[in-house]
Amino acid sequence: MPPASTARSTGDFRADRRYEYARAAFDERDFEAAADLARQVLELAPDFAPAHAMLGRSLAEQGQREEAVGALRRALALEAADELGVRLDLAKLGALPPGEAITEGYVRALFDDYAPKFDRHLTGSLAYRGPELIAGALRRACSERDREHRFGLTLDLGCGTGLMAQALAGLCTSIEGVDLSPGMLEKAEKTTLYDALHKGELVAFLQGRATAEADLVVAADVFVYMAALDAAFREAHRVLKREGLLAFTVQAHEGEGFILGADARYAHSESYVRELAEAVGFTIVLFEPVSTREDRGVPVPGFLCVMQR
């Protein structure tokens, strides 16, 4: 299901009530009832994108692919920014390339909805420890490279609520964060750890930075929402000073390239990351298997990487 914040009003009380019934039926896995209720909503509000998305998802669960694709495409036509995340559904149905499944609009809506409970859910329910793993990897990388375990300007990509800045507290002369979600940035600001916070997409943010200005670029569980990483690696390499470091985590994929997983996140292969790093001009300092979080109590496989310019 999409973020709760996408369940907007139709302006018709009867339609809104039927839509809430449809959401409840879907959550209870009564997909036939959910589809029927979604159709009732659309009779009253034909251009209500969430109802088209609900109809498409309900039909997909019943194996009615053609009708599902049609309903999902109608939802996307009505809301091209895709805060509803229907591109993910279309990709799962083979109606859209996996690399085009996740949009900025979807990620923004997802994390704006997630922001109030983010830290508690991530570190509690999901046993998330990405920032701590990156902080530890940086300590080891600095020791291996015989360099001081302190950093100048640090850029935190997809900074979220500021967990990465907390893990690096006292180690950076200055740190700036960027995130798509205003809700997340509001939480990050309350940490008082950032010298500046920016709303935007991370590659565009890096493109706006000066060449060779940063000492460290970090990305904790951010690349899972990106398919190809070429532009992110290239721009990170450009903004880093000589011997500057890029540290990040990704979810692991055992094959080649990258895939869109069932958890609606991208997973990247070791060969993909290594080959891309070499092509861009990075030297790999540390590359090891880790798990940054759990999914239903099971560790999600990933990679922890530190690279030097």
C-alpha atoms as a PDB file:
ATOM      1  CA  MET A   1       0.000   0.000   0.000  1.00  0.00           C
ATOM      2  CA  PRO A   2       1.104   3.604  -0.591  1.00  0.00           C
ATOM      3  CA  PRO A   3       2.007   6.019   2.197  1.00  0.00           C
ATOM      4  CA  ALA A   4      -1.022   6.925   4.295  1.00  0.00           C
ATOM      5  CA  SER A   5      -0.546  10.588   3.413  1.00  0.00           C
ATOM      6  CA  THR A   6      -1.574   9.831  -0.173  1.00  0.00           C
ATOM      7  CA  ALA A   7      -5.144   8.975   0.917  1.00  0.00           C
ATOM      8  CA  ARG A   8      -6.527  12.403   0.064  1.00  0.00           C
ATOM      9  CA  SER A   9     -10.163  13.461  -0.015  1.00  0.00           C
ATOM     10  CA  THR A  10     -12.307  13.247  -3.113  1.00  0.00           C
ATOM     11  CA  GLY A  11     -14.435  16.110  -1.874  1.00  0.00           C
ATOM     12  CA  ASP A  12     -17.405  13.726  -1.656  1.00  0.00           C
ATOM     13  CA  PHE A  13     -18.113  12.232   1.767  1.00  0.00           C
ATOM     14  CA  ARG A  14     -19.717   9.113   0.274  1.00  0.00           C
ATOM     15  CA  ALA A  15     -16.717   8.455  -1.967  1.00  0.00           C
ATOM     16  CA  ASP A  16     -14.245   9.061   0.876  1.00  0.00           C
ATOM     17  CA  ARG A  17     -16.067   6.596   3.096  1.00  0.00           C
ATOM     18  CA  ARG A  18     -16.125   3.922   0.382  1.00  0.00           C
ATOM     19  CA  TYR A  19     -12.419   4.462  -0.236  1.00  0.00           C
ATOM     20  CA  GLU A  20     -11.632   3.878   3.437  1.00  0.00           C
ATOM     21  CA  TYR A  21     -13.719   0.695   3.290  1.00  0.00           C
ATOM     22  CA  ALA A  22     -11.713  -0.348   0.219  1.00  0.00           C
ATOM     23  CA  ARG A  23      -8.428   0.248   2.070  1.00  0.00           C
ATOM     24  CA  ALA A  24      -9.670  -1.839   4.994  1.00  0.00           C
ATOM     25  CA  ALA A  25     -10.785  -4.663   2.683  1.00  0.00           C
ATOM     26  CA  PHE A  26      -7.402  -4.633   0.931  1.00  0.00           C
ATOM     27  CA  ASP A  27      -5.561  -4.771   4.257  1.00  0.00           C
ATOM     28  CA  GLU A  28      -7.687  -7.779   5.179  1.00  0.00           C
ATOM     29  CA  ARG A  29      -6.780  -9.356   1.818  1.00  0.00           C
ATOM     30  CA  ASP A  30     -10.370  -9.300   0.586  1.00  0.00           C
ATOM     31  CA  PHE A  31      -9.252  -8.126  -2.833  1.00  0.00           C
ATOM     32  CA  GLU A  32     -12.558  -8.764  -4.576  1.00  0.00           C
ATOM     33  CA  ALA A  33     -14.361  -6.477  -2.115  1.00  0.00           C
ATOM     34  CA  ALA A  34     -11.580  -3.888  -2.368  1.00  0.00           C
ATOM     35  CA  ALA A  35     -11.910  -3.806  -6.163  1.00  0.00           C
ATOM     36  CA  ASP A  36     -15.681  -3.509  -5.979  1.00  0.00           C
ATOM     37  CA  LEU A  37     -15.484  -0.649  -3.476  1.00  0.00           C
ATOM     38  CA  ALA A  38     -12.816   1.114  -5.558  1.00  0.00           C
ATOM     39  CA  ARG A  39     -15.152   0.973  -8.564  1.00  0.00           C
ATOM     40  CA  GLN A  40     -17.901   2.511  -6.415  1.00  0.00           C
ATOM     41  CA  VAL A  41     -15.539   5.355  -5.508  1.00  0.00           C
ATOM     42  CA  LEU A  42     -14.749   5.958  -9.176  1.00  0.00           C
ATOM     43  CA  GLU A  43     -18.435   6.162 -10.042  1.00  0.00           C
ATOM     44  CA  LEU A  44     -18.631   9.144  -7.690  1.00  0.00           C
ATOM     45  CA  ALA A  45     -15.124  10.569  -8.317  1.00  0.00           C
ATOM     46  CA  PRO A  46     -13.799   9.360 -11.717  1.00  0.00           C
ATOM     47  CA  ASP A  47     -10.476  11.209 -11.449  1.00  0.00           C
ATOM     48  CA  PHE A  48      -9.519  10.125  -7.931  1.00  0.00           C
ATOM     49  CA  ALA A  49      -6.076   8.590  -8.542  1.00  0.00           C
ATOM     50  CA  PRO A  50      -5.853   6.636  -5.235  1.00  0.00           C
ATOM     51  CA  ALA A  51      -9.011   4.707  -6.173  1.00  0.00           C
ATOM     52  CA  HIS A  52      -7.575   3.800  -9.589  1.00  0.00           C
ATOM     53  CA  ALA A  53      -4.421   2.620  -7.805  1.00  0.00           C
ATOM     54  CA  MET A  54      -6.491   0.626  -5.315  1.00  0.00           C
ATOM     55  CA  LEU A  55      -8.455  -0.973  -8.157  1.00  0.00           C
ATOM     56  CA  GLY A  56      -5.256  -1.864  -9.994  1.00  0.00           C
ATOM     57  CA  ARG A  57      -3.600  -3.398  -6.935  1.00  0.00           C
ATOM     58  CA  SER A  58      -6.720  -5.363  -6.050  1.00  0.00           C
ATOM     59  CA  LEU A  59      -7.037  -6.723  -9.592  1.00  0.00           C
ATOM     60  CA  ALA A  60      -3.349  -7.631  -9.652  1.00  0.00           C
ATOM     61  CA  GLU A  61      -3.786  -9.656  -6.471  1.00  0.00           C
ATOM     62  CA  GLN A  62      -6.577 -11.564  -8.224  1.00  0.00           C
ATOM     63  CA  GLY A  63      -4.376 -12.313 -11.231  1.00  0.00           C
ATOM     64  CA  GLN A  64      -6.208  -9.952 -13.593  1.00  0.00           C
ATOM     65  CA  ARG A  65      -3.057  -8.426 -15.068  1.00  0.00           C
ATOM     66  CA  GLU A  66      -4.424  -6.573 -18.098  1.00  0.00           C
ATOM     67  CA  GLU A  67      -7.159  -4.815 -16.149  1.00  0.00           C
ATOM     68  CA  ALA A  68      -4.724  -4.097 -13.308  1.00  0.00           C
ATOM     69  CA  VAL A  69      -2.192  -2.469 -15.633  1.00  0.00           C
ATOM     70  CA  GLY A  70      -4.914  -0.307 -17.164  1.00  0.00           C
ATOM     71  CA  ALA A  71      -6.100   0.952 -13.776  1.00  0.00           C
ATOM     72  CA  LEU A  72      -2.561   1.624 -12.573  1.00  0.00           C
ATOM     73  CA  ARG A  73      -1.672   3.519 -15.744  1.00  0.00           C
ATOM     74  CA  ARG A  74      -4.792   5.651 -15.266  1.00  0.00           C
ATOM     75  CA  ALA A  75      -3.639   6.476 -11.732  1.00  0.00           C
ATOM     76  CA  LEU A  76      -0.198   7.418 -13.044  1.00  0.00           C
ATOM     77  CA  ALA A  77      -1.687   9.590 -15.782  1.00  0.00           C
ATOM     78  CA  LEU A  78      -3.658  11.487 -13.152  1.00  0.00           C
ATOM     79  CA  GLU A  79      -0.644  11.919 -10.836  1.00  0.00           C
ATOM     80  CA  ALA A  80       2.589  11.797 -12.824  1.00  0.00           C
ATOM     81  CA  ALA A  81       4.793  12.534  -9.773  1.00  0.00           C
ATOM     82  CA  ASP A  82       3.648   9.112  -8.515  1.00  0.00           C
ATOM     83  CA  GLU A  83       3.378   9.802  -4.800  1.00  0.00           C
ATOM     84  CA  LEU A  84       1.149   6.715  -4.835  1.00  0.00           C
ATOM     85  CA  GLY A  85       4.008   4.463  -5.937  1.00  0.00           C
ATOM     86  CA  VAL A  86       2.077   2.782  -8.753  1.00  0.00           C
ATOM     87  CA  ARG A  87       5.231   2.593 -10.879  1.00  0.00           C
ATOM     88  CA  LEU A  88       6.431  -0.079  -8.442  1.00  0.00           C
ATOM     89  CA  ASP A  89       3.261  -2.074  -9.108  1.00  0.00           C
ATOM     90  CA  LEU A  90       3.652  -1.661 -12.862  1.00  0.00           C
ATOM     91  CA  ALA A  91       7.257  -2.854 -12.653  1.00  0.00           C
ATOM     92  CA  LYS A  92       6.200  -5.928 -10.660  1.00  0.00           C
ATOM     93  CA  LEU A  93       3.648  -6.689 -13.377  1.00  0.00           C
ATOM     94  CA  GLY A  94       6.312  -6.369 -16.080  1.00  0.00           C
ATOM     95  CA  ALA A  95       4.661  -3.262 -17.538  1.00  0.00           C
ATOM     96  CA  LEU A  96       7.547  -0.924 -16.697  1.00  0.00           C
ATOM     97  CA  PRO A  97      11.352  -1.398 -16.614  1.00  0.00           C
ATOM     98  CA  PRO A  98      12.521  -2.053 -13.013  1.00  0.00           C
ATOM     99  CA  GLY A  99      14.992   0.823 -13.238  1.00  0.00           C
ATOM    100  CA  GLU A 100      12.089   3.272 -13.666  1.00  0.00           C
ATOM    101  CA  ALA A 101      10.026   2.042 -10.721  1.00  0.00           C
ATOM    102  CA  ILE A 102      10.933   4.545  -8.006  1.00  0.00           C
ATOM    103  CA  THR A 103      10.408   8.290  -8.383  1.00  0.00           C
ATOM    104  CA  GLU A 104      11.364  11.278  -6.257  1.00  0.00           C
ATOM    105  CA  GLY A 105       7.680  11.919  -5.597  1.00  0.00           C
ATOM    106  CA  TYR A 106       7.169   8.426  -4.192  1.00  0.00           C
ATOM    107  CA  VAL A 107      10.241   8.603  -1.937  1.00  0.00           C
ATOM    108  CA  ARG A 108       9.254  12.074  -0.679  1.00  0.00           C
ATOM    109  CA  ALA A 109       5.711  10.938   0.183  1.00  0.00           C
ATOM    110  CA  LEU A 110       6.954   7.701   1.735  1.00  0.00           C
ATOM    111  CA  PHE A 111       9.360   9.413   4.112  1.00  0.00           C
ATOM    112  CA  ASP A 112       7.153  12.394   4.907  1.00  0.00           C
ATOM    113  CA  ASP A 113       4.632   9.854   6.182  1.00  0.00           C
ATOM    114  CA  TYR A 114       7.386   7.864   7.906  1.00  0.00           C
ATOM    115  CA  ALA A 115       9.128  10.817   9.595  1.00  0.00           C
ATOM    116  CA  PRO A 116       7.182  10.954  12.909  1.00  0.00           C
ATOM    117  CA  LYS A 117       7.930   7.307  13.718  1.00  0.00           C
ATOM    118  CA  PHE A 118      11.124   6.821  11.707  1.00  0.00           C
ATOM    119  CA  ASP A 119      13.789   6.566  14.426  1.00  0.00           C
ATOM    120  CA  ARG A 120      11.693   4.425  16.755  1.00  0.00           C
ATOM    121  CA  HIS A 121      10.614   2.007  14.024  1.00  0.00           C
ATOM    122  CA  LEU A 122      13.984   1.771  12.294  1.00  0.00           C
ATOM    123  CA  THR A 123      16.186   1.256  15.324  1.00  0.00           C
ATOM    124  CA  GLY A 124      13.569  -0.761  17.219  1.00  0.00           C
ATOM    125  CA  SER A 125      11.405  -2.911  14.940  1.00  0.00           C
ATOM    126  CA  LEU A 126      13.955  -3.181  12.108  1.00  0.00           C
ATOM    127  CA  ALA A 127      17.129  -3.255  14.244  1.00  0.00           C
ATOM    128  CA  TYR A 128      18.658  -0.696  11.892  1.00  0.00           C
ATOM    129  CA  ARG A 129      22.354   0.065  12.351  1.00  0.00           C
ATOM    130  CA  GLY A 130      23.559   1.502   9.038  1.00  0.00           C
ATOM    131  CA  PRO A 131      25.080   4.727  10.455  1.00  0.00           C
ATOM    132  CA  GLU A 132      26.933   2.844  13.193  1.00  0.00           C
ATOM    133  CA  LEU A 133      28.338   0.390  10.650  1.00  0.00           C
ATOM    134  CA  ILE A 134      29.519   3.228   8.400  1.00  0.00           C
ATOM    135  CA  ALA A 135      31.078   5.085  11.344  1.00  0.00           C
ATOM    136  CA  GLY A 136      32.956   1.926  12.353  1.00  0.00           C
ATOM    137  CA  ALA A 137      34.079   1.277   8.783  1.00  0.00           C
ATOM    138  CA  LEU A 138      35.435   4.818   8.508  1.00  0.00           C
ATOM    139  CA  ARG A 139      37.429   4.342  11.696  1.00  0.00           C
ATOM    140  CA  ARG A 140      38.982   1.163  10.305  1.00  0.00           C
ATOM    141  CA  ALA A 141      39.573   2.710   6.874  1.00  0.00           C
ATOM    142  CA  CYS A 142      41.402   5.666   8.399  1.00  0.00           C
ATOM    143  CA  SER A 143      43.563   3.314  10.439  1.00  0.00           C
ATOM    144  CA  GLU A 144      44.370   1.237   7.357  1.00  0.00           C
ATOM    145  CA  ARG A 145      45.247   4.340   5.340  1.00  0.00           C
ATOM    146  CA  ASP A 146      47.222   5.823   8.237  1.00  0.00           C
ATOM    147  CA  ARG A 147      45.178   9.009   8.180  1.00  0.00           C
ATOM    148  CA  GLU A 148      43.631  10.977  11.014  1.00  0.00           C
ATOM    149  CA  HIS A 149      40.159   9.801  11.996  1.00  0.00           C
ATOM    150  CA  ARG A 150      38.700  13.259  11.518  1.00  0.00           C
ATOM    151  CA  PHE A 151      37.048  14.873   8.518  1.00  0.00           C
ATOM    152  CA  GLY A 152      36.571  18.285   7.005  1.00  0.00           C
ATOM    153  CA  LEU A 153      33.377  19.126   5.101  1.00  0.00           C
ATOM    154  CA  THR A 154      31.090  16.077   5.139  1.00  0.00           C
ATOM    155  CA  LEU A 155      28.055  15.635   2.876  1.00  0.00           C
ATOM    156  CA  ASP A 156      25.303  13.336   4.202  1.00  0.00           C
ATOM    157  CA  LEU A 157      23.230  12.064   1.265  1.00  0.00           C
ATOM    158  CA  GLY A 158      19.660  11.147   2.161  1.00  0.00           C
ATOM    159  CA  CYS A 159      20.279  12.379   5.682  1.00  0.00           C
ATOM    160  CA  GLY A 160      16.814  11.461   6.974  1.00  0.00           C
ATOM    161  CA  THR A 161      16.328  12.392  10.611  1.00  0.00           C
ATOM    162  CA  GLY A 162      20.055  12.801  11.269  1.00  0.00           C
ATOM    163  CA  LEU A 163      21.123   9.365  12.483  1.00  0.00           C
ATOM    164  CA  MET A 164      24.313   9.511  10.398  1.00  0.00           C
ATOM    165  CA  ALA A 165      25.293  12.891  11.833  1.00  0.00           C
ATOM    166  CA  GLN A 166      24.772  11.489  15.325  1.00  0.00           C
ATOM    167  CA  ALA A 167      27.101   8.573  14.531  1.00  0.00           C
ATOM    168  CA  LEU A 168      29.765  11.015  13.278  1.00  0.00           C
ATOM    169  CA  ALA A 169      29.278  13.637  16.001  1.00  0.00           C
ATOM    170  CA  GLY A 170      32.548  15.388  16.887  1.00  0.00           C
ATOM    171  CA  LEU A 171      34.448  13.935  13.916  1.00  0.00           C
ATOM    172  CA  CYS A 172      33.600  16.508  11.216  1.00  0.00           C
ATOM    173  CA  THR A 173      34.502  20.188  11.102  1.00  0.00           C
ATOM    174  CA  SER A 174      31.198  20.727   9.269  1.00  0.00           C
ATOM    175  CA  ILE A 175      28.412  18.511   7.951  1.00  0.00           C
ATOM    176  CA  GLU A 176      25.623  19.254   5.497  1.00  0.00           C
ATOM    177  CA  GLY A 177      22.667  17.013   4.733  1.00  0.00           C
ATOM    178  CA  VAL A 178      20.296  16.611   1.810  1.00  0.00           C
ATOM    179  CA  ASP A 179      16.978  14.785   1.669  1.00  0.00           C
ATOM    180  CA  LEU A 180      13.864  14.739  -0.490  1.00  0.00           C
ATOM    181  CA  SER A 181      11.513  14.734   2.492  1.00  0.00           C
ATOM    182  CA  PRO A 182      10.661  17.994   4.312  1.00  0.00           C
ATOM    183  CA  GLY A 183       9.390  15.895   7.210  1.00  0.00           C
ATOM    184  CA  MET A 184      12.750  14.195   7.586  1.00  0.00           C
ATOM    185  CA  LEU A 185      14.657  17.474   7.309  1.00  0.00           C
ATOM    186  CA  GLU A 186      12.528  18.959  10.070  1.00  0.00           C
ATOM    187  CA  LYS A 187      13.602  16.090  12.338  1.00  0.00           C
ATOM    188  CA  ALA A 188      17.251  16.426  11.268  1.00  0.00           C
ATOM    189  CA  GLU A 189      17.238  20.145  12.084  1.00  0.00           C
ATOM    190  CA  LYS A 190      16.213  19.377  15.653  1.00  0.00           C
ATOM    191  CA  THR A 191      19.455  17.449  16.197  1.00  0.00           C
ATOM    192  CA  THR A 192      21.372  20.767  15.774  1.00  0.00           C
ATOM    193  CA  LEU A 193      24.239  18.720  14.314  1.00  0.00           C
ATOM    194  CA  TYR A 194      24.067  20.033  10.742  1.00  0.00           C
ATOM    195  CA  ASP A 195      25.671  23.233   9.510  1.00  0.00           C
ATOM    196  CA  ALA A 196      23.185  23.258   6.620  1.00  0.00           C
ATOM    197  CA  LEU A 197      20.271  21.148   5.396  1.00  0.00           C
ATOM    198  CA  HIS A 198      19.050  21.039   1.800  1.00  0.00           C
ATOM    199  CA  LYS A 199      15.808  19.767   0.283  1.00  0.00           C
ATOM    200  CA  GLY A 200      16.412  17.953  -2.975  1.00  0.00           C
ATOM    201  CA  GLU A 201      17.538  14.893  -4.902  1.00  0.00           C
ATOM    202  CA  LEU A 202      21.067  13.794  -4.041  1.00  0.00           C
ATOM    203  CA  VAL A 203      22.616  13.763  -7.532  1.00  0.00           C
ATOM    204  CA  ALA A 204      21.273  17.241  -8.290  1.00  0.00           C
ATOM    205  CA  PHE A 205      22.574  18.371  -4.908  1.00  0.00           C
ATOM    206  CA  LEU A 206      26.064  17.041  -5.675  1.00  0.00           C
ATOM    207  CA  GLN A 207      26.012  18.628  -9.123  1.00  0.00           C
ATOM    208  CA  GLY A 208      25.520  21.987  -7.440  1.00  0.00           C
ATOM    209  CA  ARG A 209      28.569  21.603  -5.207  1.00  0.00           C
ATOM    210  CA  ALA A 210      32.078  22.828  -5.951  1.00  0.00           C
ATOM    211  CA  THR A 211      34.726  20.449  -7.271  1.00  0.00           C
ATOM    212  CA  ALA A 212      37.064  18.952  -4.646  1.00  0.00           C
ATOM    213  CA  GLU A 213      35.374  20.696  -1.697  1.00  0.00           C
ATOM    214  CA  ALA A 214      34.425  17.733   0.525  1.00  0.00           C
ATOM    215  CA  ASP A 215      36.504  15.417   2.654  1.00  0.00           C
ATOM    216  CA  LEU A 216      33.784  12.809   3.162  1.00  0.00           C
ATOM    217  CA  VAL A 217      30.525  11.782   1.465  1.00  0.00           C
ATOM    218  CA  VAL A 218      28.253   9.315   3.268  1.00  0.00           C
ATOM    219  CA  ALA A 219      25.071   7.542   2.149  1.00  0.00           C
ATOM    220  CA  ALA A 220      23.470   5.235   4.705  1.00  0.00           C
ATOM    221  CA  ASP A 221      20.815   2.988   3.122  1.00  0.00           C
ATOM    222  CA  VAL A 222      20.050   5.604   0.472  1.00  0.00           C
ATOM    223  CA  PHE A 223      21.176   3.877  -2.710  1.00  0.00           C
ATOM    224  CA  VAL A 224      18.464   1.249  -2.118  1.00  0.00           C
ATOM    225  CA  TYR A 225      16.068   3.782  -3.680  1.00  0.00           C
ATOM    226  CA  MET A 226      18.249   4.251  -6.770  1.00  0.00           C
ATOM    227  CA  ALA A 227      18.703   1.826  -9.656  1.00  0.00           C
ATOM    228  CA  ALA A 228      21.835   2.900 -11.559  1.00  0.00           C
ATOM    229  CA  LEU A 229      24.467   4.531  -9.338  1.00  0.00           C
ATOM    230  CA  ASP A 230      26.682   5.937 -12.105  1.00  0.00           C
ATOM    231  CA  ALA A 231      25.738   9.592 -11.650  1.00  0.00           C
ATOM    232  CA  ALA A 232      25.909   9.422  -7.845  1.00  0.00           C
ATOM    233  CA  PHE A 233      29.400   7.864  -7.911  1.00  0.00           C
ATOM    234  CA  ARG A 234      30.643  10.256 -10.592  1.00  0.00           C
ATOM    235  CA  GLU A 235      29.437  13.368  -8.760  1.00  0.00           C
ATOM    236  CA  ALA A 236      30.673  12.122  -5.382  1.00  0.00           C
ATOM    237  CA  HIS A 237      34.105  11.554  -6.941  1.00  0.00           C
ATOM    238  CA  ARG A 238      34.091  15.083  -8.391  1.00  0.00           C
ATOM    239  CA  VAL A 239      33.162  16.872  -5.144  1.00  0.00           C
ATOM    240  CA  LEU A 240      35.686  14.949  -3.036  1.00  0.00           C
ATOM    241  CA  LYS A 241      39.173  16.234  -2.373  1.00  0.00           C
ATOM    242  CA  ARG A 242      42.174  14.076  -3.212  1.00  0.00           C
ATOM    243  CA  GLU A 243      42.118  11.082  -0.835  1.00  0.00           C
ATOM    244  CA  GLY A 244      38.576  12.013   0.247  1.00  0.00           C
ATOM    245  CA  LEU A 245      36.269   9.126   1.181  1.00  0.00           C
ATOM    246  CA  LEU A 246      32.882   7.874   0.014  1.00  0.00           C
ATOM    247  CA  ALA A 247      31.197   5.538   2.540  1.00  0.00           C
ATOM    248  CA  PHE A 248      27.838   3.864   1.973  1.00  0.00           C
ATOM    249  CA  THR A 249      25.663   0.781   2.320  1.00  0.00           C
ATOM    250  CA  VAL A 250      23.616  -1.052  -0.305  1.00  0.00           C
ATOM    251  CA  GLN A 251      21.432  -4.130  -0.292  1.00  0.00           C
ATOM    252  CA  ALA A 252      23.156  -7.145  -1.811  1.00  0.00           C
ATOM    253  CA  HIS A 253      22.244  -8.899  -5.046  1.00  0.00           C
ATOM    254  CA  GLU A 254      23.981 -12.204  -5.846  1.00  0.00           C
ATOM    255  CA  GLY A 255      23.708 -11.898  -9.625  1.00  0.00           C
ATOM    256  CA  GLU A 256      24.894  -9.133 -11.922  1.00  0.00           C
ATOM    257  CA  GLY A 257      23.911  -5.471 -12.052  1.00  0.00           C
ATOM    258  CA  PHE A 258      20.963  -4.466  -9.893  1.00  0.00           C
ATOM    259  CA  ILE A 259      17.412  -5.681  -9.311  1.00  0.00           C
ATOM    260  CA  LEU A 260      14.198  -4.314  -7.835  1.00  0.00           C
ATOM    261  CA  GLY A 261      13.440  -6.536  -4.859  1.00  0.00           C
ATOM    262  CA  ALA A 262      10.101  -7.654  -3.461  1.00  0.00           C
ATOM    263  CA  ASP A 263      10.636  -5.138  -0.645  1.00  0.00           C
ATOM    264  CA  ALA A 264      10.391  -2.260  -3.175  1.00  0.00           C
ATOM    265  CA  ARG A 265      14.094  -1.466  -2.805  1.00  0.00           C
ATOM    266  CA  TYR A 266      16.975  -1.916  -5.214  1.00  0.00           C
ATOM    267  CA  ALA A 267      19.743  -4.415  -4.525  1.00  0.00           C
ATOM    268  CA  HIS A 268      23.157  -4.114  -6.207  1.00  0.00           C
ATOM    269  CA  SER A 269      25.690  -6.821  -6.953  1.00  0.00           C
ATOM    270  CA  GLU A 270      29.270  -6.775  -5.728  1.00  0.00           C
ATOM    271  CA  SER A 271      30.584  -6.848  -9.285  1.00  0.00           C
ATOM    272  CA  TYR A 272      28.386  -3.886 -10.235  1.00  0.00           C
ATOM    273  CA  VAL A 273      29.651  -1.733  -7.362  1.00  0.00           C
ATOM    274  CA  ARG A 274      33.301  -2.720  -7.829  1.00  0.00           C
ATOM    275  CA  GLU A 275      33.307  -2.195 -11.596  1.00  0.00           C
ATOM    276  CA  LEU A 276      31.542   1.142 -11.314  1.00  0.00           C
ATOM    277  CA  ALA A 277      33.954   2.316  -8.623  1.00  0.00           C
ATOM    278  CA  GLU A 278      36.933   1.448 -10.824  1.00  0.00           C
ATOM    279  CA  ALA A 279      35.378   3.109 -13.878  1.00  0.00           C
ATOM    280  CA  VAL A 280      34.757   6.344 -11.974  1.00  0.00           C
ATOM    281  CA  GLY A 281      38.234   6.375 -10.432  1.00  0.00           C
ATOM    282  CA  PHE A 282      37.685   5.269  -6.838  1.00  0.00           C
ATOM    283  CA  THR A 283      40.023   2.969  -4.932  1.00  0.00           C
ATOM    284  CA  ILE A 284      38.130   0.490  -2.752  1.00  0.00           C
ATOM    285  CA  VAL A 285      39.407   0.633   0.811  1.00  0.00           C
ATOM    286  CA  LEU A 286      36.804  -1.619   2.431  1.00  0.00           C
ATOM    287  CA  PHE A 287      34.107  -3.845   0.964  1.00  0.00           C
ATOM    288  CA  GLU A 288      32.363  -6.373   3.164  1.00  0.00           C
ATOM    289  CA  PRO A 289      29.017  -8.142   3.591  1.00  0.00           C
ATOM    290  CA  VAL A 290      26.774  -6.735   6.316  1.00  0.00           C
ATOM    291  CA  SER A 291      23.135  -6.473   7.289  1.00  0.00           C
ATOM    292  CA  THR A 292      21.922  -3.002   8.199  1.00  0.00           C
ATOM    293  CA  ARG A 293      18.363  -4.000   9.097  1.00  0.00           C
ATOM    294  CA  GLU A 294      15.919  -6.872   9.523  1.00  0.00           C
ATOM    295  CA  ASP A 295      12.784  -7.731   7.557  1.00  0.00           C
ATOM    296  CA  ARG A 296      10.272  -9.703   9.617  1.00  0.00           C
ATOM    297  CA  GLY A 297      13.083 -10.684  11.963  1.00  0.00           C
ATOM    298  CA  VAL A 298      15.396 -11.899   9.167  1.00  0.00           C
ATOM    299  CA  PRO A 299      18.649  -9.987   8.448  1.00  0.00           C
ATOM    300  CA  VAL A 300      18.606  -8.297   5.019  1.00  0.00           C
ATOM    301  CA  PRO A 301      21.919  -8.973   3.214  1.00  0.00           C
ATOM    302  CA  GLY A 302      23.920  -5.960   2.117  1.00  0.00           C
ATOM    303  CA  PHE A 303      27.369  -4.512   1.493  1.00  0.00           C
ATOM    304  CA  LEU A 304      29.335  -1.923   3.448  1.00  0.00           C
ATOM    305  CA  CYS A 305      31.758   0.092   1.329  1.00  0.00           C
ATOM    306  CA  VAL A 306      34.425   2.730   1.823  1.00  0.00           C
ATOM    307  CA  MET A 307      36.137   4.142  -1.248  1.00  0.00           C
ATOM    308  CA  GLN A 308      38.901   6.697  -1.644  1.00  0.00           C
ATOM    309  CA  ARG A 309      39.235   9.292  -4.367  1.00  0.00           C
END
